[in-house]
Amino acid sequence: MAFHPVEPSAKHVWVRATGEHGQPVAGVVVAWQHAPLHNVAGSDRQALVATTPFDDALVVRWFDASRLVELRDASPGP
């Protein structure tokens, strides 16, 4: 029997900055995969995330799952 991992459900996320400085950037998860290499502080999963860090710019790149925070709307509209 083959094992099929459950893909994380977060689609809209905040991507945390790597250093002490820098604001988180909103993004959309396009795909998930197992990280080929990960360090002790990192995750074994990574996500392909589309972000817009600047006006008129779209960046799509892989981020370690430990840098992502699910974006939640605390007050959804009626």
C-alpha atoms as a PDB file:
ATOM      1  CA  MET A   1       0.000   0.000   0.000  1.00  0.00           C
ATOM      2  CA  ALA A   2       1.393   3.391  -1.000  1.00  0.00           C
ATOM      3  CA  PHE A   3       1.469   6.215   1.521  1.00  0.00           C
ATOM      4  CA  HIS A   4      -0.065   9.441   0.235  1.00  0.00           C
ATOM      5  CA  PRO A   5       0.657  12.378   2.569  1.00  0.00           C
ATOM      6  CA  VAL A   6      -2.093  14.884   3.190  1.00  0.00           C
ATOM      7  CA  GLU A   7      -1.241  18.209   1.611  1.00  0.00           C
ATOM      8  CA  PRO A   8      -1.386  21.127   4.065  1.00  0.00           C
ATOM      9  CA  SER A   9      -4.545  23.141   3.616  1.00  0.00           C
ATOM     10  CA  ALA A  10      -3.160  26.697   3.884  1.00  0.00           C
ATOM     11  CA  LYS A  11      -3.488  28.516   0.575  1.00  0.00           C
ATOM     12  CA  HIS A  12      -3.242  32.201   1.622  1.00  0.00           C
ATOM     13  CA  VAL A  13      -0.200  32.784   3.832  1.00  0.00           C
ATOM     14  CA  TRP A  14       2.119  35.357   5.317  1.00  0.00           C
ATOM     15  CA  VAL A  15       5.782  34.775   4.410  1.00  0.00           C
ATOM     16  CA  ARG A  16       8.019  35.837   7.310  1.00  0.00           C
ATOM     17  CA  ALA A  17      11.204  37.755   6.572  1.00  0.00           C
ATOM     18  CA  THR A  18      14.462  35.853   7.090  1.00  0.00           C
ATOM     19  CA  GLY A  19      16.174  38.463   9.252  1.00  0.00           C
ATOM     20  CA  GLU A  20      15.130  40.618  12.162  1.00  0.00           C
ATOM     21  CA  HIS A  21      14.114  43.411   9.827  1.00  0.00           C
ATOM     22  CA  GLY A  22      11.493  43.304   7.138  1.00  0.00           C
ATOM     23  CA  GLN A  23       7.754  42.989   7.061  1.00  0.00           C
ATOM     24  CA  PRO A  24       5.918  39.761   6.287  1.00  0.00           C
ATOM     25  CA  VAL A  25       4.585  39.521   2.744  1.00  0.00           C
ATOM     26  CA  ALA A  26       1.187  38.063   1.811  1.00  0.00           C
ATOM     27  CA  GLY A  27       1.289  35.168  -0.628  1.00  0.00           C
ATOM     28  CA  VAL A  28      -0.666  32.353  -2.252  1.00  0.00           C
ATOM     29  CA  VAL A  29       0.568  28.752  -2.073  1.00  0.00           C
ATOM     30  CA  VAL A  30       0.743  27.223  -5.539  1.00  0.00           C
ATOM     31  CA  ALA A  31       2.179  23.790  -4.618  1.00  0.00           C
ATOM     32  CA  TRP A  32       3.718  21.787  -1.770  1.00  0.00           C
ATOM     33  CA  GLN A  33       6.611  19.311  -1.837  1.00  0.00           C
ATOM     34  CA  HIS A  34       8.972  17.511   0.505  1.00  0.00           C
ATOM     35  CA  ALA A  35      12.101  19.582   1.054  1.00  0.00           C
ATOM     36  CA  PRO A  36      15.103  17.907  -0.597  1.00  0.00           C
ATOM     37  CA  LEU A  37      17.358  19.170   2.208  1.00  0.00           C
ATOM     38  CA  HIS A  38      16.381  20.749   5.492  1.00  0.00           C
ATOM     39  CA  ASN A  39      18.217  21.972   8.544  1.00  0.00           C
ATOM     40  CA  VAL A  40      17.346  21.395  12.191  1.00  0.00           C
ATOM     41  CA  ALA A  41      15.342  24.634  12.465  1.00  0.00           C
ATOM     42  CA  GLY A  42      13.562  24.108   9.156  1.00  0.00           C
ATOM     43  CA  SER A  43      10.663  21.978   8.026  1.00  0.00           C
ATOM     44  CA  ASP A  44      10.562  18.823   5.935  1.00  0.00           C
ATOM     45  CA  ARG A  45       8.027  20.530   3.617  1.00  0.00           C
ATOM     46  CA  GLN A  46       8.334  23.531   1.354  1.00  0.00           C
ATOM     47  CA  ALA A  47       5.805  25.530  -0.593  1.00  0.00           C
ATOM     48  CA  LEU A  48       5.883  27.236  -3.947  1.00  0.00           C
ATOM     49  CA  VAL A  49       4.462  30.675  -3.098  1.00  0.00           C
ATOM     50  CA  ALA A  50       3.463  33.595  -5.312  1.00  0.00           C
ATOM     51  CA  THR A  51       4.068  36.965  -3.613  1.00  0.00           C
ATOM     52  CA  THR A  52       3.995  40.617  -4.631  1.00  0.00           C
ATOM     53  CA  PRO A  53       6.765  42.212  -2.561  1.00  0.00           C
ATOM     54  CA  PHE A  54       6.774  45.400  -4.677  1.00  0.00           C
ATOM     55  CA  ASP A  55       4.259  47.238  -6.842  1.00  0.00           C
ATOM     56  CA  ASP A  56       3.983  45.674 -10.311  1.00  0.00           C
ATOM     57  CA  ALA A  57       6.134  42.675  -9.320  1.00  0.00           C
ATOM     58  CA  LEU A  58       5.182  39.019  -8.995  1.00  0.00           C
ATOM     59  CA  VAL A  59       7.679  36.628  -7.420  1.00  0.00           C
ATOM     60  CA  VAL A  60       7.131  32.862  -7.383  1.00  0.00           C
ATOM     61  CA  ARG A  61       9.656  30.839  -5.365  1.00  0.00           C
ATOM     62  CA  TRP A  62      10.049  27.976  -2.901  1.00  0.00           C
ATOM     63  CA  PHE A  63       9.870  28.794   0.835  1.00  0.00           C
ATOM     64  CA  ASP A  64      10.472  26.540   3.808  1.00  0.00           C
ATOM     65  CA  ALA A  65       7.146  25.796   5.518  1.00  0.00           C
ATOM     66  CA  SER A  66       8.528  27.117   8.823  1.00  0.00           C
ATOM     67  CA  ARG A  67       8.486  30.651   7.310  1.00  0.00           C
ATOM     68  CA  LEU A  68       4.773  30.512   6.465  1.00  0.00           C
ATOM     69  CA  VAL A  69       1.861  31.570   8.648  1.00  0.00           C
ATOM     70  CA  GLU A  70      -1.693  30.854   7.525  1.00  0.00           C
ATOM     71  CA  LEU A  71      -3.565  34.058   6.688  1.00  0.00           C
ATOM     72  CA  ARG A  72      -6.952  34.102   8.419  1.00  0.00           C
ATOM     73  CA  ASP A  73      -9.778  36.614   8.184  1.00  0.00           C
ATOM     74  CA  ALA A  74     -11.086  37.141  11.700  1.00  0.00           C
ATOM     75  CA  SER A  75     -14.181  38.965  10.502  1.00  0.00           C
ATOM     76  CA  PRO A  76     -15.606  37.416   7.316  1.00  0.00           C
ATOM     77  CA  GLY A  77     -18.344  39.376   5.615  1.00  0.00           C
ATOM     78  CA  PRO A  78     -21.992  38.271   5.578  1.00  0.00           C
END
